């Protein structure tokens, strides 16, 4: 476990990244498999899931899994902003938030904003 300096919150040192593996489109079998991965992750004490708009369909797949799992309270949501202008950043974050189905993100990282 590691402590988040600004909040004192304890998080596992390892999170669940979603690049490639959660980019499964609308395939119901693969979406269910991703939800099973998320269930095992939370069961093992995992909390932080990370994604980006650049990861294909990973964001809606995360949202599907979170809904299927009853929106685990343990979730620490980490998202990235990747836009070509600062003006587009807030709208992209809002789209991502809707895909995940969360009220807010715990961490927003600026991946690219040029």
Protein backbone atom coordinates (compact mmCIF):
# COMPACT_ATOMS: atom_id res chain seq x y z
CA UNK A 1 0.00 0.00 0.00
CA UNK A 2 1.07 3.57 -0.68
CA UNK A 3 -0.21 6.81 0.78
CA UNK A 4 -1.53 9.55 -1.50
CA UNK A 5 0.37 12.58 -0.13
CA UNK A 6 -2.40 15.16 -0.58
CA UNK A 7 -5.20 13.09 0.96
CA UNK A 8 -3.59 10.42 3.12
CA UNK A 9 -5.66 7.80 1.27
CA UNK A 10 -4.06 4.37 1.08
CA UNK A 11 -3.86 2.71 -2.34
CA UNK A 12 -2.29 -0.53 -3.54
CA UNK A 13 0.94 0.13 -5.43
CA UNK A 14 -0.40 -1.75 -8.47
CA UNK A 15 -3.51 -0.81 -10.45
CA UNK A 16 -5.41 -2.20 -13.42
CA UNK A 17 -4.49 -0.66 -16.77
CA UNK A 18 -6.97 -1.02 -19.62
CA UNK A 19 -4.98 -0.29 -22.77
CA UNK A 20 -5.43 -3.05 -25.39
CA UNK A 21 -6.96 -5.65 -23.05
CA UNK A 22 -10.21 -3.72 -22.47
CA UNK A 23 -10.47 -2.51 -26.08
CA UNK A 24 -12.96 -5.25 -26.98
CA UNK A 25 -15.72 -3.25 -28.65
CA UNK A 26 -19.29 -4.44 -28.19
CA UNK A 27 -18.51 -8.19 -28.09
CA UNK A 28 -20.67 -9.40 -25.15
CA UNK A 29 -18.44 -12.39 -24.36
CA UNK A 30 -15.29 -10.26 -24.23
CA UNK A 31 -17.05 -7.54 -22.21
CA UNK A 32 -18.12 -10.17 -19.68
CA UNK A 33 -14.54 -11.46 -19.53
CA UNK A 34 -13.32 -7.94 -18.76
CA UNK A 35 -15.95 -7.68 -16.00
CA UNK A 36 -14.62 -10.98 -14.59
CA UNK A 37 -11.09 -9.54 -14.62
CA UNK A 38 -12.38 -6.50 -12.73
CA UNK A 39 -14.20 -8.73 -10.21
CA UNK A 40 -11.00 -10.71 -9.56
CA UNK A 41 -9.04 -7.45 -9.29
CA UNK A 42 -11.37 -6.04 -6.62
CA UNK A 43 -11.55 -9.42 -4.82
CA UNK A 44 -7.75 -9.39 -4.55
CA UNK A 45 -7.80 -5.93 -2.95
CA UNK A 46 -7.27 -3.87 -6.10
CA UNK A 47 -8.71 -0.36 -6.28
CA UNK A 48 -7.17 1.81 -9.01
CA UNK A 49 -8.35 1.40 -12.61
CA UNK A 50 -6.71 3.57 -15.26
CA UNK A 51 -7.91 4.43 -18.76
CA UNK A 52 -7.75 7.02 -21.53
CA UNK A 53 -9.90 8.15 -24.45
CA UNK A 54 -7.07 6.83 -26.64
CA UNK A 55 -7.70 3.25 -25.45
CA UNK A 56 -10.45 2.46 -27.95
CA UNK A 57 -13.56 1.02 -26.30
CA UNK A 58 -11.96 0.58 -22.88
CA UNK A 59 -13.98 3.35 -21.22
CA UNK A 60 -17.45 1.95 -21.99
CA UNK A 61 -16.18 -1.54 -21.17
CA UNK A 62 -15.06 -0.28 -17.75
CA UNK A 63 -18.48 1.29 -17.27
CA UNK A 64 -20.14 -2.01 -18.21
CA UNK A 65 -17.98 -3.91 -15.74
CA UNK A 66 -18.54 -1.43 -12.93
CA UNK A 67 -22.29 -1.59 -13.47
CA UNK A 68 -22.24 -5.39 -13.54
CA UNK A 69 -20.26 -5.41 -10.28
CA UNK A 70 -22.63 -2.99 -8.55
CA UNK A 71 -20.25 -0.01 -8.69
CA UNK A 72 -17.65 -1.15 -6.12
CA UNK A 73 -17.03 1.50 -3.46
CA UNK A 74 -13.35 0.52 -3.41
CA UNK A 75 -12.83 1.99 -6.91
CA UNK A 76 -10.17 4.66 -7.32
CA UNK A 77 -10.77 5.94 -10.86
CA UNK A 78 -7.85 7.32 -12.87
CA UNK A 79 -8.44 8.87 -16.28
CA UNK A 80 -6.38 10.82 -18.79
CA UNK A 81 -7.01 13.87 -20.97
CA UNK A 82 -5.72 13.67 -24.54
CA UNK A 83 -6.87 16.58 -26.71
CA UNK A 84 -5.39 18.98 -29.20
CA UNK A 85 -6.63 22.06 -27.33
CA UNK A 86 -7.16 23.08 -23.73
CA UNK A 87 -10.72 24.12 -24.60
CA UNK A 88 -11.61 20.50 -25.47
CA UNK A 89 -10.32 19.06 -22.18
CA UNK A 90 -13.40 19.56 -19.96
CA UNK A 91 -15.78 18.07 -22.55
CA UNK A 92 -13.52 15.06 -22.99
CA UNK A 93 -13.39 14.48 -19.23
CA UNK A 94 -17.19 14.67 -19.07
CA UNK A 95 -17.56 12.12 -21.91
CA UNK A 96 -15.14 9.81 -20.14
CA UNK A 97 -17.03 10.21 -16.85
CA UNK A 98 -20.29 9.24 -18.56
CA UNK A 99 -18.65 6.17 -20.15
CA UNK A 100 -17.41 5.03 -16.75
CA UNK A 101 -20.71 5.91 -15.06
CA UNK A 102 -18.99 7.61 -12.13
CA UNK A 103 -19.93 10.92 -10.48
CA UNK A 104 -16.31 12.11 -10.69
CA UNK A 105 -12.78 10.84 -11.24
CA UNK A 106 -10.40 10.42 -8.33
CA UNK A 107 -7.42 11.28 -10.54
CA UNK A 108 -7.26 13.08 -13.89
CA UNK A 109 -3.91 13.01 -15.66
CA UNK A 110 -2.96 15.24 -18.57
CA UNK A 111 -1.61 12.75 -21.09
CA UNK A 112 -1.45 15.22 -23.96
CA UNK A 113 -2.87 18.72 -24.20
CA UNK A 114 -1.25 20.50 -27.12
